[in-house]
Amino acid sequence: MEDLKAWFDKGGPMMWVILGLSIIGWIIFVERAFVLYWMHRLASGAFISRVIALVKKRRFREALDGCNLKTRHPVVKTMRAGLLRADRRVSEIERGMEKEMLDALPEMQKRIGFLAVLANSATLLGLLGTIFGLIKAFNSVANADATARQMELTSGISEAMYTTALGITVAVPLLFFHHFLTRRSEEILEEVERGATSLVVALGGDPEASSPPPPEVAPVGAATDAVPA
């Protein structure tokens, strides 16, 4: 621990700034990973297949009950929005699901882009710290006698490189975190789109059509519910 503190002291105050960026980045990564990998965990393929199978059998109530899960996963919320409008035109069904998808987008991408900013900032601050260190080293050499100049210059350059080394060390994992979380958010949104499209088709509509037939036609004189049973 003492060696680590001495290493930071040699690198100058910029070392502590870069360390602060690293801590912030790790906090963001842990929070986003928890949300995207844990809170939004769902076997989406099996869930979509199960709901679509019920819809094709016109068992809408069971399909809707299957979407009443205690989860924040956007696939569930989007398909539930579509099922609640199952007796309406496809354009209305799509609008309802599109709203859920648009609401989910900011939640999926929240703070992920900040990881790239932190990584770039750590690298640039490391270089800036090195420049300051070199300026300090050359000033020390200018004020030293001839015999001490070489030693002062070597020592100063060595210390100046600490901030660059730390900046790159901090930036590399943050860039990996940014990639993994971005890919995970894209996967979830792809699952949402697949579920929404599958539901529209299963309801008897064409995603490209504006006025497809309703999911089922009630007998003449029979009352219809908001959600067909």
Protein backbone atom coordinates (compact mmCIF):
# COMPACT_ATOMS: atom_id res chain seq x y z
CA MET A 1 0.00 0.00 0.00
CA GLU A 2 2.85 2.37 0.83
CA ASP A 3 4.48 1.59 -2.53
CA LEU A 4 1.20 2.36 -4.31
CA LYS A 5 0.85 5.68 -2.50
CA ALA A 6 4.46 6.54 -3.29
CA TRP A 7 3.80 5.70 -6.94
CA PHE A 8 0.82 8.05 -6.98
CA ASP A 9 2.78 10.79 -5.21
CA LYS A 10 5.55 10.56 -7.81
CA GLY A 11 3.04 10.89 -10.64
CA GLY A 12 1.60 14.08 -9.24
CA PRO A 13 -1.97 15.24 -8.57
CA MET A 14 -3.21 14.12 -12.00
CA MET A 15 -2.83 10.51 -10.81
CA TRP A 16 -5.58 11.02 -8.24
CA VAL A 17 -7.86 12.62 -10.81
CA ILE A 18 -7.45 9.61 -13.11
CA LEU A 19 -8.08 7.28 -10.18
CA GLY A 20 -11.32 9.17 -9.49
CA LEU A 21 -12.41 8.64 -13.10
CA SER A 22 -11.69 4.94 -12.72
CA ILE A 23 -13.84 4.67 -9.60
CA ILE A 24 -16.73 6.47 -11.30
CA GLY A 25 -16.43 4.18 -14.32
CA TRP A 26 -16.50 1.03 -12.21
CA ILE A 27 -19.57 2.26 -10.33
CA ILE A 28 -21.39 2.89 -13.62
CA PHE A 29 -20.37 -0.51 -14.96
CA VAL A 30 -21.56 -2.41 -11.89
CA GLU A 31 -24.90 -0.57 -11.83
CA ARG A 32 -25.54 -1.00 -15.56
CA ALA A 33 -24.45 -4.65 -15.53
CA PHE A 34 -26.84 -5.33 -12.66
CA VAL A 35 -29.73 -3.72 -14.55
CA LEU A 36 -29.03 -5.21 -17.98
CA TYR A 37 -27.89 -8.70 -16.97
CA TRP A 38 -29.79 -9.30 -13.73
CA MET A 39 -32.93 -7.17 -13.55
CA HIS A 40 -33.61 -7.72 -17.26
CA ARG A 41 -32.82 -11.40 -17.29
CA LEU A 42 -35.41 -13.38 -19.26
CA ALA A 43 -35.45 -16.37 -21.57
CA SER A 44 -36.96 -14.11 -24.19
CA GLY A 45 -37.00 -16.70 -26.96
CA ALA A 46 -39.06 -19.15 -24.91
CA PHE A 47 -41.29 -16.36 -23.60
CA ILE A 48 -42.07 -15.01 -27.06
CA SER A 49 -42.76 -18.51 -28.42
CA ARG A 50 -45.12 -19.28 -25.54
CA VAL A 51 -47.10 -16.05 -25.94
CA ILE A 52 -47.30 -16.39 -29.73
CA ALA A 53 -48.52 -19.99 -29.42
CA LEU A 54 -51.37 -18.85 -27.15
CA VAL A 55 -52.24 -15.96 -29.46
CA LYS A 56 -52.45 -18.27 -32.47
CA LYS A 57 -54.92 -20.41 -30.51
CA ARG A 58 -56.84 -17.21 -29.71
CA ARG A 59 -56.27 -17.75 -26.00
CA PHE A 60 -55.67 -14.06 -25.43
CA ARG A 61 -56.48 -14.01 -21.74
CA GLU A 62 -53.86 -16.67 -20.99
CA ALA A 63 -51.33 -14.83 -23.15
CA LEU A 64 -52.01 -11.60 -21.28
CA ASP A 65 -51.74 -13.36 -17.92
CA GLY A 66 -48.35 -14.65 -19.04
CA CYS A 67 -47.25 -11.04 -19.53
CA ASN A 68 -48.30 -9.99 -16.04
CA LEU A 69 -44.87 -10.85 -14.70
CA LYS A 70 -43.09 -8.86 -12.02
CA THR A 71 -40.31 -7.86 -14.37
CA ARG A 72 -39.12 -4.68 -16.02
CA HIS A 73 -38.01 -6.51 -19.14
CA PRO A 74 -39.13 -4.47 -22.16
CA VAL A 75 -40.08 -7.60 -24.14
CA VAL A 76 -42.78 -8.39 -21.57
CA LYS A 77 -43.99 -4.80 -21.33
CA THR A 78 -44.08 -4.35 -25.11
CA MET A 79 -45.98 -7.56 -25.82
CA ARG A 80 -48.40 -6.81 -23.00
CA ALA A 81 -49.12 -3.41 -24.57
CA GLY A 82 -49.89 -5.17 -27.84
CA LEU A 83 -52.17 -7.76 -26.24
CA LEU A 84 -54.16 -5.07 -24.45
CA ARG A 85 -55.00 -3.72 -27.92
CA ALA A 86 -55.57 -7.11 -29.55
CA ASP A 87 -59.11 -6.24 -30.67
CA ARG A 88 -57.98 -3.07 -32.47
CA ARG A 89 -56.39 -2.27 -35.80
CA VAL A 90 -52.78 -3.23 -36.35
CA SER A 91 -51.79 0.43 -36.58
CA GLU A 92 -53.08 0.99 -33.03
CA ILE A 93 -51.39 -2.17 -31.78
CA GLU A 94 -48.11 -1.05 -33.30
CA ARG A 95 -48.40 2.44 -31.80
CA GLY A 96 -48.94 0.98 -28.34
CA MET A 97 -45.92 -1.30 -28.64
CA GLU A 98 -43.80 1.42 -30.22
CA LYS A 99 -44.45 3.65 -27.22
CA GLU A 100 -43.17 0.93 -24.88
CA MET A 101 -40.11 0.45 -27.08
CA LEU A 102 -39.35 4.17 -27.06
CA ASP A 103 -39.76 4.25 -23.28
CA ALA A 104 -37.34 1.31 -22.95
CA LEU A 105 -34.62 2.83 -25.15
CA PRO A 106 -33.35 5.47 -22.68
CA GLU A 107 -33.37 2.91 -19.85
CA MET A 108 -31.26 0.49 -21.91
CA GLN A 109 -28.67 3.09 -22.92
CA LYS A 110 -28.56 5.16 -19.74
CA ARG A 111 -25.01 6.17 -18.70
CA ILE A 112 -23.34 3.63 -21.02
CA GLY A 113 -21.96 6.33 -23.31
CA PHE A 114 -20.37 8.01 -20.29
CA LEU A 115 -17.95 5.07 -20.01
CA ALA A 116 -16.38 5.99 -23.36
CA VAL A 117 -16.08 9.60 -22.21
CA LEU A 118 -14.34 8.50 -19.01
CA ALA A 119 -11.96 6.24 -20.95
CA ASN A 120 -10.96 9.01 -23.35
CA SER A 121 -10.65 11.50 -20.51
CA ALA A 122 -8.38 9.18 -18.53
CA THR A 123 -6.07 8.77 -21.54
CA LEU A 124 -5.92 12.49 -22.28
CA LEU A 125 -5.41 13.43 -18.64
CA GLY A 126 -2.59 10.89 -18.49
CA LEU A 127 -0.90 12.57 -21.44
CA LEU A 128 -1.50 15.98 -19.91
CA GLY A 129 0.06 14.84 -16.66
CA THR A 130 3.07 13.57 -18.59
CA ILE A 131 3.49 16.93 -20.32
CA PHE A 132 3.35 18.74 -17.00
CA GLY A 133 5.86 16.27 -15.60
CA LEU A 134 8.25 16.82 -18.51
CA ILE A 135 8.00 20.59 -18.10
CA LYS A 136 8.85 20.20 -14.44
CA ALA A 137 11.74 17.87 -15.27
CA PHE A 138 13.27 20.25 -17.81
CA ASN A 139 12.94 23.15 -15.40
CA SER A 140 14.78 21.11 -12.77
CA VAL A 141 17.53 20.31 -15.27
CA ALA A 142 17.90 23.97 -16.18
CA ASN A 143 18.53 24.86 -12.55
CA ALA A 144 20.87 21.93 -11.82
CA ASP A 145 24.64 21.82 -12.18
CA ALA A 146 26.26 19.87 -15.02
CA THR A 147 26.91 16.70 -13.02
CA ALA A 148 23.32 16.41 -11.76
CA ARG A 149 21.53 17.22 -15.02
CA GLN A 150 21.50 13.71 -16.44
CA MET A 151 20.24 12.20 -13.19
CA GLU A 152 17.55 14.88 -12.80
CA LEU A 153 16.38 14.46 -16.40
CA THR A 154 16.19 10.66 -16.18
CA SER A 155 14.31 10.79 -12.90
CA GLY A 156 11.92 13.49 -14.13
CA ILE A 157 11.02 11.68 -17.36
CA SER A 158 10.45 8.44 -15.46
CA GLU A 159 8.04 10.11 -13.07
CA ALA A 160 6.29 11.94 -15.92
CA MET A 161 5.35 8.62 -17.56
CA TYR A 162 3.37 7.44 -14.53
CA THR A 163 0.25 9.39 -15.47
CA THR A 164 0.22 8.06 -19.04
CA ALA A 165 0.61 4.51 -17.77
CA LEU A 166 -2.24 4.92 -15.31
CA GLY A 167 -4.46 6.67 -17.85
CA ILE A 168 -4.14 3.81 -20.34
CA THR A 169 -4.56 1.23 -17.57
CA VAL A 170 -7.84 2.88 -16.57
CA ALA A 171 -9.07 3.45 -20.13
CA VAL A 172 -8.72 -0.10 -21.47
CA PRO A 173 -11.19 -1.84 -19.11
CA LEU A 174 -13.63 1.07 -19.40
CA LEU A 175 -13.69 0.65 -23.18
CA PHE A 176 -14.35 -3.08 -22.79
CA PHE A 177 -17.16 -2.29 -20.33
CA HIS A 178 -18.65 0.15 -22.83
CA HIS A 179 -18.61 -2.48 -25.58
CA PHE A 180 -20.16 -5.24 -23.46
CA LEU A 181 -22.95 -3.05 -22.10
CA THR A 182 -23.70 -1.52 -25.50
CA ARG A 183 -23.96 -4.96 -27.05
CA ARG A 184 -26.24 -6.17 -24.26
CA SER A 185 -28.59 -3.19 -24.67
CA GLU A 186 -28.71 -3.82 -28.43
CA GLU A 187 -29.55 -7.48 -27.85
CA ILE A 188 -32.47 -6.56 -25.58
CA LEU A 189 -33.84 -4.07 -28.10
CA GLU A 190 -33.53 -6.68 -30.87
CA GLU A 191 -35.54 -9.08 -28.71
CA VAL A 192 -38.20 -6.41 -28.23
CA GLU A 193 -38.48 -5.83 -31.97
CA ARG A 194 -38.69 -9.56 -32.65
CA GLY A 195 -41.43 -10.01 -30.05
CA ALA A 196 -43.43 -7.04 -31.37
CA THR A 197 -43.21 -8.19 -34.98
CA SER A 198 -44.11 -11.77 -34.08
CA LEU A 199 -47.15 -10.58 -32.14
CA VAL A 200 -48.44 -8.44 -35.02
CA VAL A 201 -48.14 -11.38 -37.42
CA ALA A 202 -49.77 -13.78 -34.95
CA LEU A 203 -52.72 -11.43 -34.54
CA GLY A 204 -53.43 -11.91 -38.21
CA GLY A 205 -51.92 -8.69 -39.46
CA ASP A 206 -49.10 -7.67 -41.70
CA PRO A 207 -46.51 -5.32 -40.13
CA GLU A 208 -46.52 -3.39 -43.42
CA ALA A 209 -50.31 -3.08 -43.61
CA SER A 210 -52.37 -0.25 -42.15
CA SER A 211 -55.73 -1.94 -41.68
CA PRO A 212 -55.50 -5.73 -41.22
CA PRO A 213 -58.40 -7.88 -40.05
CA PRO A 214 -59.11 -8.08 -36.30
CA PRO A 215 -57.68 -11.06 -34.34
CA GLU A 216 -61.07 -12.73 -34.12
CA VAL A 217 -64.63 -12.00 -35.14
CA ALA A 218 -67.33 -12.37 -32.50
CA PRO A 219 -70.70 -13.91 -33.48
CA VAL A 220 -73.40 -11.50 -34.48
CA GLY A 221 -75.07 -10.06 -31.42
CA ALA A 222 -72.38 -11.27 -29.03
CA ALA A 223 -70.63 -8.83 -26.70
CA THR A 224 -66.92 -8.31 -27.13
CA ASP A 225 -64.41 -7.72 -24.37
CA ALA A 226 -61.50 -5.32 -24.39
CA VAL A 227 -59.22 -8.35 -24.51
CA PRO A 228 -60.64 -11.34 -26.46
CA ALA A 229 -60.82 -14.50 -24.38
